Amino acid sequence: MGGFPLENESSALALPGSQQNQVSAVKATAPESKPKKKICCACPETKKLRDECIVQHGEDACKKWIEAHLTCLRAEGFKV
């Protein structure tokens, strides 16, 4: 009978640990937040500057504006 209480104590101790593992598994699989806008409508200011620069000077001369637009899109939640 001396071993019986130890088995109950160990199973009681294991239960909270398994519950904690389930909670962290749920948090780990929760979906990331999706962008709130369509990519065509996000960051209109940087998009306009990027497009005007490319039309006037060509893509090679506008890397600063292209990168600024990509940074803005990433901040909005897009993976670009």
PDB file of N, CA and C in Angstrom:
ATOM      1  N   MET A   1       0.813  -1.197   0.000  1.00  0.00           N
ATOM      2  CA  MET A   1       0.000   0.000   0.000  1.00  0.00           C
ATOM      3  C   MET A   1       0.859   1.264   0.000  1.00  0.00           C
ATOM      4  N   GLY A   2       2.131   1.132   0.370  1.00  0.00           N
ATOM      5  CA  GLY A   2       2.992   2.313   0.398  1.00  0.00           C
ATOM      6  C   GLY A   2       3.202   2.889  -0.991  1.00  0.00           C
ATOM      7  N   GLY A   3       3.168   2.053  -2.064  1.00  0.00           N
ATOM      8  CA  GLY A   3       3.369   2.538  -3.426  1.00  0.00           C
ATOM      9  C   GLY A   3       2.131   3.174  -4.026  1.00  0.00           C
ATOM     10  N   PHE A   4       0.968   2.846  -3.528  1.00  0.00           N
ATOM     11  CA  PHE A   4      -0.287   3.354  -4.089  1.00  0.00           C
ATOM     12  C   PHE A   4      -0.412   4.867  -3.996  1.00  0.00           C
ATOM     13  N   PRO A   5      -0.153   5.521  -2.829  1.00  0.00           N
ATOM     14  CA  PRO A   5      -0.251   6.975  -2.780  1.00  0.00           C
ATOM     15  C   PRO A   5       0.765   7.665  -3.679  1.00  0.00           C
ATOM     16  N   LEU A   6       1.934   7.074  -3.854  1.00  0.00           N
ATOM     17  CA  LEU A   6       2.927   7.693  -4.726  1.00  0.00           C
ATOM     18  C   LEU A   6       2.448   7.708  -6.174  1.00  0.00           C
ATOM     19  N   GLU A   7       1.763   6.638  -6.612  1.00  0.00           N
ATOM     20  CA  GLU A   7       1.247   6.615  -7.975  1.00  0.00           C
ATOM     21  C   GLU A   7       0.192   7.699  -8.175  1.00  0.00           C
ATOM     22  N   ASN A   8      -0.687   7.902  -7.186  1.00  0.00           N
ATOM     23  CA  ASN A   8      -1.706   8.939  -7.291  1.00  0.00           C
ATOM     24  C   ASN A   8      -1.071  10.319  -7.319  1.00  0.00           C
ATOM     25  N   GLU A   9      -0.049  10.528  -6.479  1.00  0.00           N
ATOM     26  CA  GLU A   9       0.610  11.831  -6.454  1.00  0.00           C
ATOM     27  C   GLU A   9       1.314  12.113  -7.775  1.00  0.00           C
ATOM     28  N   SER A  10       1.983  11.104  -8.333  1.00  0.00           N
ATOM     29  CA  SER A  10       2.701  11.338  -9.585  1.00  0.00           C
ATOM     30  C   SER A  10       1.728  11.586 -10.736  1.00  0.00           C
ATOM     31  N   SER A  11       0.583  10.887 -10.766  1.00  0.00           N
ATOM     32  CA  SER A  11      -0.373  11.138 -11.839  1.00  0.00           C
ATOM     33  C   SER A  11      -1.030  12.509 -11.664  1.00  0.00           C
ATOM     34  N   ALA A  12      -1.217  12.935 -10.425  1.00  0.00           N
ATOM     35  CA  ALA A  12      -1.787  14.260 -10.184  1.00  0.00           C
ATOM     36  C   ALA A  12      -0.790  15.336 -10.578  1.00  0.00           C
ATOM     37  N   LEU A  13       0.490  15.052 -10.370  1.00  0.00           N
ATOM     38  CA  LEU A  13       1.505  16.020 -10.769  1.00  0.00           C
ATOM     39  C   LEU A  13       1.664  16.058 -12.284  1.00  0.00           C
ATOM     40  N   ALA A  14       1.445  14.943 -12.949  1.00  0.00           N
ATOM     41  CA  ALA A  14       1.594  14.901 -14.394  1.00  0.00           C
ATOM     42  C   ALA A  14       0.444  15.616 -15.099  1.00  0.00           C
ATOM     43  N   LEU A  15      -0.731  15.635 -14.521  1.00  0.00           N
ATOM     44  CA  LEU A  15      -1.896  16.233 -15.160  1.00  0.00           C
ATOM     45  C   LEU A  15      -1.717  17.723 -15.441  1.00  0.00           C
ATOM     46  N   PRO A  16      -1.286  18.535 -14.457  1.00  0.00           N
ATOM     47  CA  PRO A  16      -1.105  19.945 -14.787  1.00  0.00           C
ATOM     48  C   PRO A  16      -0.046  20.163 -15.856  1.00  0.00           C
ATOM     49  N   GLY A  17       0.998  19.369 -15.844  1.00  0.00           N
ATOM     50  CA  GLY A  17       2.035  19.510 -16.867  1.00  0.00           C
ATOM     51  C   GLY A  17       1.504  19.225 -18.255  1.00  0.00           C
ATOM     52  N   SER A  18       0.664  18.186 -18.369  1.00  0.00           N
ATOM     53  CA  SER A  18       0.110  17.862 -19.678  1.00  0.00           C
ATOM     54  C   SER A  18      -0.871  18.939 -20.129  1.00  0.00           C
ATOM     55  N   GLN A  19      -1.575  19.539 -19.199  1.00  0.00           N
ATOM     56  CA  GLN A  19      -2.474  20.638 -19.562  1.00  0.00           C
ATOM     57  C   GLN A  19      -1.667  21.832 -20.050  1.00  0.00           C
ATOM     58  N   GLN A  20      -0.537  22.116 -19.417  1.00  0.00           N
ATOM     59  CA  GLN A  20       0.299  23.228 -19.855  1.00  0.00           C
ATOM     60  C   GLN A  20       0.836  22.960 -21.254  1.00  0.00           C
ATOM     61  N   ASN A  21       1.220  21.717 -21.534  1.00  0.00           N
ATOM     62  CA  ASN A  21       1.717  21.382 -22.867  1.00  0.00           C
ATOM     63  C   ASN A  21       0.633  21.584 -23.916  1.00  0.00           C
ATOM     64  N   GLN A  22      -0.620  21.248 -23.589  1.00  0.00           N
ATOM     65  CA  GLN A  22      -1.718  21.441 -24.534  1.00  0.00           C
ATOM     66  C   GLN A  22      -1.949  22.920 -24.795  1.00  0.00           C
ATOM     67  N   VAL A  23      -1.855  23.741 -23.757  1.00  0.00           N
ATOM     68  CA  VAL A  23      -2.064  25.182 -23.922  1.00  0.00           C
ATOM     69  C   VAL A  23      -0.983  25.770 -24.801  1.00  0.00           C
ATOM     70  N   SER A  24       0.301  25.391 -24.592  1.00  0.00           N
ATOM     71  CA  SER A  24       1.347  25.949 -25.422  1.00  0.00           C
ATOM     72  C   SER A  24       1.252  25.445 -26.851  1.00  0.00           C
ATOM     73  N   ALA A  25       0.750  24.231 -27.051  1.00  0.00           N
ATOM     74  CA  ALA A  25       0.578  23.723 -28.407  1.00  0.00           C
ATOM     75  C   ALA A  25      -0.502  24.513 -29.129  1.00  0.00           C
ATOM     76  N   VAL A  26      -1.557  24.889 -28.443  1.00  0.00           N
ATOM     77  CA  VAL A  26      -2.627  25.688 -29.053  1.00  0.00           C
ATOM     78  C   VAL A  26      -2.108  27.065 -29.420  1.00  0.00           C
ATOM     79  N   LYS A  27      -1.333  27.675 -28.543  1.00  0.00           N
ATOM     80  CA  LYS A  27      -0.770  28.996 -28.842  1.00  0.00           C
ATOM     81  C   LYS A  27       0.182  28.936 -30.017  1.00  0.00           C
ATOM     82  N   ALA A  28       0.962  27.868 -30.118  1.00  0.00           N
ATOM     83  CA  ALA A  28       1.936  27.741 -31.195  1.00  0.00           C
ATOM     84  C   ALA A  28       1.261  27.554 -32.550  1.00  0.00           C
ATOM     85  N   THR A  29       0.087  26.922 -32.586  1.00  0.00           N
ATOM     86  CA  THR A  29      -0.568  26.668 -33.858  1.00  0.00           C
ATOM     87  C   THR A  29      -1.607  27.725 -34.210  1.00  0.00           C
ATOM     88  N   ALA A  30      -1.776  28.734 -33.387  1.00  0.00           N
ATOM     89  CA  ALA A  30      -2.745  29.786 -33.683  1.00  0.00           C
ATOM     90  C   ALA A  30      -2.301  30.523 -34.947  1.00  0.00           C
ATOM     91  N   PRO A  31      -3.215  30.817 -35.867  1.00  0.00           N
ATOM     92  CA  PRO A  31      -2.835  31.490 -37.103  1.00  0.00           C
ATOM     93  C   PRO A  31      -2.373  32.914 -36.848  1.00  0.00           C
ATOM     94  N   GLU A  32      -1.393  33.332 -37.660  1.00  0.00           N
ATOM     95  CA  GLU A  32      -0.913  34.706 -37.550  1.00  0.00           C
ATOM     96  C   GLU A  32      -1.978  35.649 -38.108  1.00  0.00           C
ATOM     97  N   SER A  33      -1.906  36.906 -37.709  1.00  0.00           N
ATOM     98  CA  SER A  33      -2.904  37.856 -38.192  1.00  0.00           C
ATOM     99  C   SER A  33      -2.687  38.110 -39.678  1.00  0.00           C
ATOM    100  N   LYS A  34      -3.772  38.122 -40.406  1.00  0.00           N
ATOM    101  CA  LYS A  34      -3.715  38.343 -41.839  1.00  0.00           C
ATOM    102  C   LYS A  34      -3.741  39.841 -42.102  1.00  0.00           C
ATOM    103  N   PRO A  35      -3.213  40.266 -43.252  1.00  0.00           N
ATOM    104  CA  PRO A  35      -3.295  41.683 -43.611  1.00  0.00           C
ATOM    105  C   PRO A  35      -4.750  42.128 -43.683  1.00  0.00           C
ATOM    106  N   LYS A  36      -4.999  43.357 -43.294  1.00  0.00           N
ATOM    107  CA  LYS A  36      -6.364  43.878 -43.261  1.00  0.00           C
ATOM    108  C   LYS A  36      -6.807  44.442 -44.603  1.00  0.00           C
ATOM    109  N   LYS A  37      -5.847  44.694 -45.505  1.00  0.00           N
ATOM    110  CA  LYS A  37      -6.161  45.263 -46.810  1.00  0.00           C
ATOM    111  C   LYS A  37      -5.649  44.342 -47.905  1.00  0.00           C
ATOM    112  N   LYS A  38      -6.108  44.585 -49.117  1.00  0.00           N
ATOM    113  CA  LYS A  38      -5.523  43.911 -50.262  1.00  0.00           C
ATOM    114  C   LYS A  38      -4.180  44.575 -50.541  1.00  0.00           C
ATOM    115  N   ILE A  39      -3.258  43.825 -51.109  1.00  0.00           N
ATOM    116  CA  ILE A  39      -1.919  44.355 -51.339  1.00  0.00           C
ATOM    117  C   ILE A  39      -1.946  45.548 -52.301  1.00  0.00           C
ATOM    118  N   CYS A  40      -2.902  45.577 -53.208  1.00  0.00           N
ATOM    119  CA  CYS A  40      -2.980  46.693 -54.154  1.00  0.00           C
ATOM    120  C   CYS A  40      -3.404  48.002 -53.485  1.00  0.00           C
ATOM    121  N   CYS A  41      -4.062  47.901 -52.326  1.00  0.00           N
ATOM    122  CA  CYS A  41      -4.573  49.091 -51.642  1.00  0.00           C
ATOM    123  C   CYS A  41      -3.713  49.504 -50.450  1.00  0.00           C
ATOM    124  N   ALA A  42      -2.720  48.691 -50.114  1.00  0.00           N
ATOM    125  CA  ALA A  42      -1.873  48.992 -48.967  1.00  0.00           C
ATOM    126  C   ALA A  42      -0.765  49.964 -49.387  1.00  0.00           C
ATOM    127  N   CYS A  43      -0.381  50.833 -48.499  1.00  0.00           N
ATOM    128  CA  CYS A  43       0.751  51.749 -48.679  1.00  0.00           C
ATOM    129  C   CYS A  43       0.654  52.609 -49.945  1.00  0.00           C
ATOM    130  N   PRO A  44      -0.428  53.354 -50.116  1.00  0.00           N
ATOM    131  CA  PRO A  44      -0.574  54.138 -51.346  1.00  0.00           C
ATOM    132  C   PRO A  44       0.491  55.228 -51.509  1.00  0.00           C
ATOM    133  N   GLU A  45       0.982  55.783 -50.411  1.00  0.00           N
ATOM    134  CA  GLU A  45       1.973  56.856 -50.507  1.00  0.00           C
ATOM    135  C   GLU A  45       3.286  56.340 -51.088  1.00  0.00           C
ATOM    136  N   THR A  46       3.799  55.251 -50.524  1.00  0.00           N
ATOM    137  CA  THR A  46       5.070  54.720 -51.021  1.00  0.00           C
ATOM    138  C   THR A  46       4.905  54.107 -52.407  1.00  0.00           C
ATOM    139  N   LYS A  47       3.726  53.580 -52.684  1.00  0.00           N
ATOM    140  CA  LYS A  47       3.472  53.014 -54.006  1.00  0.00           C
ATOM    141  C   LYS A  47       3.527  54.112 -55.072  1.00  0.00           C
ATOM    142  N   LYS A  48       2.914  55.251 -54.774  1.00  0.00           N
ATOM    143  CA  LYS A  48       2.903  56.364 -55.727  1.00  0.00           C
ATOM    144  C   LYS A  48       4.311  56.883 -55.986  1.00  0.00           C
ATOM    145  N   LEU A  49       5.084  57.073 -54.902  1.00  0.00           N
ATOM    146  CA  LEU A  49       6.460  57.556 -55.060  1.00  0.00           C
ATOM    147  C   LEU A  49       7.307  56.558 -55.852  1.00  0.00           C
ATOM    148  N   ARG A  50       7.137  55.278 -55.540  1.00  0.00           N
ATOM    149  CA  ARG A  50       7.880  54.232 -56.245  1.00  0.00           C
ATOM    150  C   ARG A  50       7.544  54.238 -57.727  1.00  0.00           C
ATOM    151  N   ASP A  51       6.243  54.266 -58.047  1.00  0.00           N
ATOM    152  CA  ASP A  51       5.810  54.206 -59.444  1.00  0.00           C
ATOM    153  C   ASP A  51       6.262  55.427 -60.242  1.00  0.00           C
ATOM    154  N   GLU A  52       6.123  56.620 -59.667  1.00  0.00           N
ATOM    155  CA  GLU A  52       6.551  57.843 -60.360  1.00  0.00           C
ATOM    156  C   GLU A  52       8.051  57.827 -60.621  1.00  0.00           C
ATOM    157  N   CYS A  53       8.814  57.381 -59.643  1.00  0.00           N
ATOM    158  CA  CYS A  53      10.262  57.314 -59.808  1.00  0.00           C
ATOM    159  C   CYS A  53      10.640  56.345 -60.920  1.00  0.00           C
ATOM    160  N   ILE A  54      10.001  55.181 -60.947  1.00  0.00           N
ATOM    161  CA  ILE A  54      10.319  54.182 -61.968  1.00  0.00           C
ATOM    162  C   ILE A  54       9.981  54.692 -63.357  1.00  0.00           C
ATOM    163  N   VAL A  55       8.861  55.379 -63.504  1.00  0.00           N
ATOM    164  CA  VAL A  55       8.459  55.903 -64.817  1.00  0.00           C
ATOM    165  C   VAL A  55       9.456  56.964 -65.289  1.00  0.00           C
ATOM    166  N   GLN A  56       9.897  57.833 -64.391  1.00  0.00           N
ATOM    167  CA  GLN A  56      10.765  58.943 -64.774  1.00  0.00           C
ATOM    168  C   GLN A  56      12.243  58.553 -64.877  1.00  0.00           C
ATOM    169  N   HIS A  57      12.703  57.648 -63.998  1.00  0.00           N
ATOM    170  CA  HIS A  57      14.147  57.404 -63.902  1.00  0.00           C
ATOM    171  C   HIS A  57      14.559  55.957 -64.156  1.00  0.00           C
ATOM    172  N   GLY A  58      13.624  55.050 -64.210  1.00  0.00           N
ATOM    173  CA  GLY A  58      13.953  53.640 -64.389  1.00  0.00           C
ATOM    174  C   GLY A  58      14.108  52.931 -63.052  1.00  0.00           C
ATOM    175  N   GLU A  59      13.944  51.628 -63.088  1.00  0.00           N
ATOM    176  CA  GLU A  59      13.932  50.822 -61.861  1.00  0.00           C
ATOM    177  C   GLU A  59      15.255  50.872 -61.106  1.00  0.00           C
ATOM    178  N   ASP A  60      16.374  50.874 -61.823  1.00  0.00           N
ATOM    179  CA  ASP A  60      17.684  50.854 -61.161  1.00  0.00           C
ATOM    180  C   ASP A  60      17.931  52.099 -60.313  1.00  0.00           C
ATOM    181  N   ALA A  61      17.382  53.231 -60.706  1.00  0.00           N
ATOM    182  CA  ALA A  61      17.595  54.474 -59.975  1.00  0.00           C
ATOM    183  C   ALA A  61      16.631  54.637 -58.800  1.00  0.00           C
ATOM    184  N   CYS A  62      15.700  53.715 -58.636  1.00  0.00           N
ATOM    185  CA  CYS A  62      14.644  53.894 -57.628  1.00  0.00           C
ATOM    186  C   CYS A  62      14.649  52.819 -56.553  1.00  0.00           C
ATOM    187  N   LYS A  63      15.780  52.206 -56.328  1.00  0.00           N
ATOM    188  CA  LYS A  63      15.844  51.118 -55.340  1.00  0.00           C
ATOM    189  C   LYS A  63      15.440  51.597 -53.951  1.00  0.00           C
ATOM    190  N   LYS A  64      15.719  52.853 -53.616  1.00  0.00           N
ATOM    191  CA  LYS A  64      15.352  53.396 -52.300  1.00  0.00           C
ATOM    192  C   LYS A  64      13.837  53.396 -52.120  1.00  0.00           C
ATOM    193  N   TRP A  65      13.106  53.814 -53.159  1.00  0.00           N
ATOM    194  CA  TRP A  65      11.642  53.865 -53.076  1.00  0.00           C
ATOM    195  C   TRP A  65      11.023  52.478 -53.139  1.00  0.00           C
ATOM    196  N   ILE A  66      11.634  51.608 -53.909  1.00  0.00           N
ATOM    197  CA  ILE A  66      11.141  50.225 -53.988  1.00  0.00           C
ATOM    198  C   ILE A  66      11.270  49.554 -52.624  1.00  0.00           C
ATOM    199  N   GLU A  67      12.419  49.727 -51.993  1.00  0.00           N
ATOM    200  CA  GLU A  67      12.636  49.124 -50.671  1.00  0.00           C
ATOM    201  C   GLU A  67      11.720  49.756 -49.623  1.00  0.00           C
ATOM    202  N   ALA A  68      11.484  51.058 -49.719  1.00  0.00           N
ATOM    203  CA  ALA A  68      10.577  51.725 -48.774  1.00  0.00           C
ATOM    204  C   ALA A  68       9.163  51.160 -48.903  1.00  0.00           C
ATOM    205  N   HIS A  69       8.741  50.890 -50.129  1.00  0.00           N
ATOM    206  CA  HIS A  69       7.401  50.319 -50.349  1.00  0.00           C
ATOM    207  C   HIS A  69       7.320  48.891 -49.812  1.00  0.00           C
ATOM    208  N   LEU A  70       8.355  48.106 -50.038  1.00  0.00           N
ATOM    209  CA  LEU A  70       8.373  46.733 -49.513  1.00  0.00           C
ATOM    210  C   LEU A  70       8.358  46.727 -47.991  1.00  0.00           C
ATOM    211  N   THR A  71       9.080  47.650 -47.379  1.00  0.00           N
ATOM    212  CA  THR A  71       9.094  47.764 -45.916  1.00  0.00           C
ATOM    213  C   THR A  71       7.707  48.101 -45.394  1.00  0.00           C
ATOM    214  N   CYS A  72       7.028  49.008 -46.080  1.00  0.00           N
ATOM    215  CA  CYS A  72       5.665  49.378 -45.689  1.00  0.00           C
ATOM    216  C   CYS A  72       4.721  48.190 -45.818  1.00  0.00           C
ATOM    217  N   LEU A  73       4.832  47.447 -46.909  1.00  0.00           N
ATOM    218  CA  LEU A  73       3.969  46.272 -47.106  1.00  0.00           C
ATOM    219  C   LEU A  73       4.209  45.231 -46.022  1.00  0.00           C
ATOM    220  N   ARG A  74       5.462  45.021 -45.666  1.00  0.00           N
ATOM    221  CA  ARG A  74       5.774  44.063 -44.596  1.00  0.00           C
ATOM    222  C   ARG A  74       5.178  44.519 -43.262  1.00  0.00           C
ATOM    223  N   ALA A  75       5.220  45.814 -43.019  1.00  0.00           N
ATOM    224  CA  ALA A  75       4.637  46.354 -41.791  1.00  0.00           C
ATOM    225  C   ALA A  75       3.124  46.157 -41.749  1.00  0.00           C
ATOM    226  N   GLU A  76       2.504  46.089 -42.914  1.00  0.00           N
ATOM    227  CA  GLU A  76       1.056  45.854 -43.016  1.00  0.00           C
ATOM    228  C   GLU A  76       0.707  44.372 -42.894  1.00  0.00           C
ATOM    229  N   GLY A  77       1.733  43.507 -42.873  1.00  0.00           N
ATOM    230  CA  GLY A  77       1.489  42.083 -42.682  1.00  0.00           C
ATOM    231  C   GLY A  77       1.670  41.227 -43.931  1.00  0.00           C
ATOM    232  N   PHE A  78       2.109  41.824 -45.029  1.00  0.00           N
ATOM    233  CA  PHE A  78       2.333  41.063 -46.256  1.00  0.00           C
ATOM    234  C   PHE A  78       3.713  40.434 -46.236  1.00  0.00           C
ATOM    235  N   LYS A  79       3.817  39.255 -46.821  1.00  0.00           N
ATOM    236  CA  LYS A  79       5.108  38.551 -46.910  1.00  0.00           C
ATOM    237  C   LYS A  79       5.661  38.758 -48.297  1.00  0.00           C
ATOM    238  N   VAL A  80       6.414  39.838 -48.465  1.00  0.00           N
ATOM    239  CA  VAL A  80       7.010  40.156 -49.770  1.00  0.00           C
ATOM    240  C   VAL A  80       8.510  40.270 -49.642  1.00  0.00           C
TER     241      VAL A  80
END
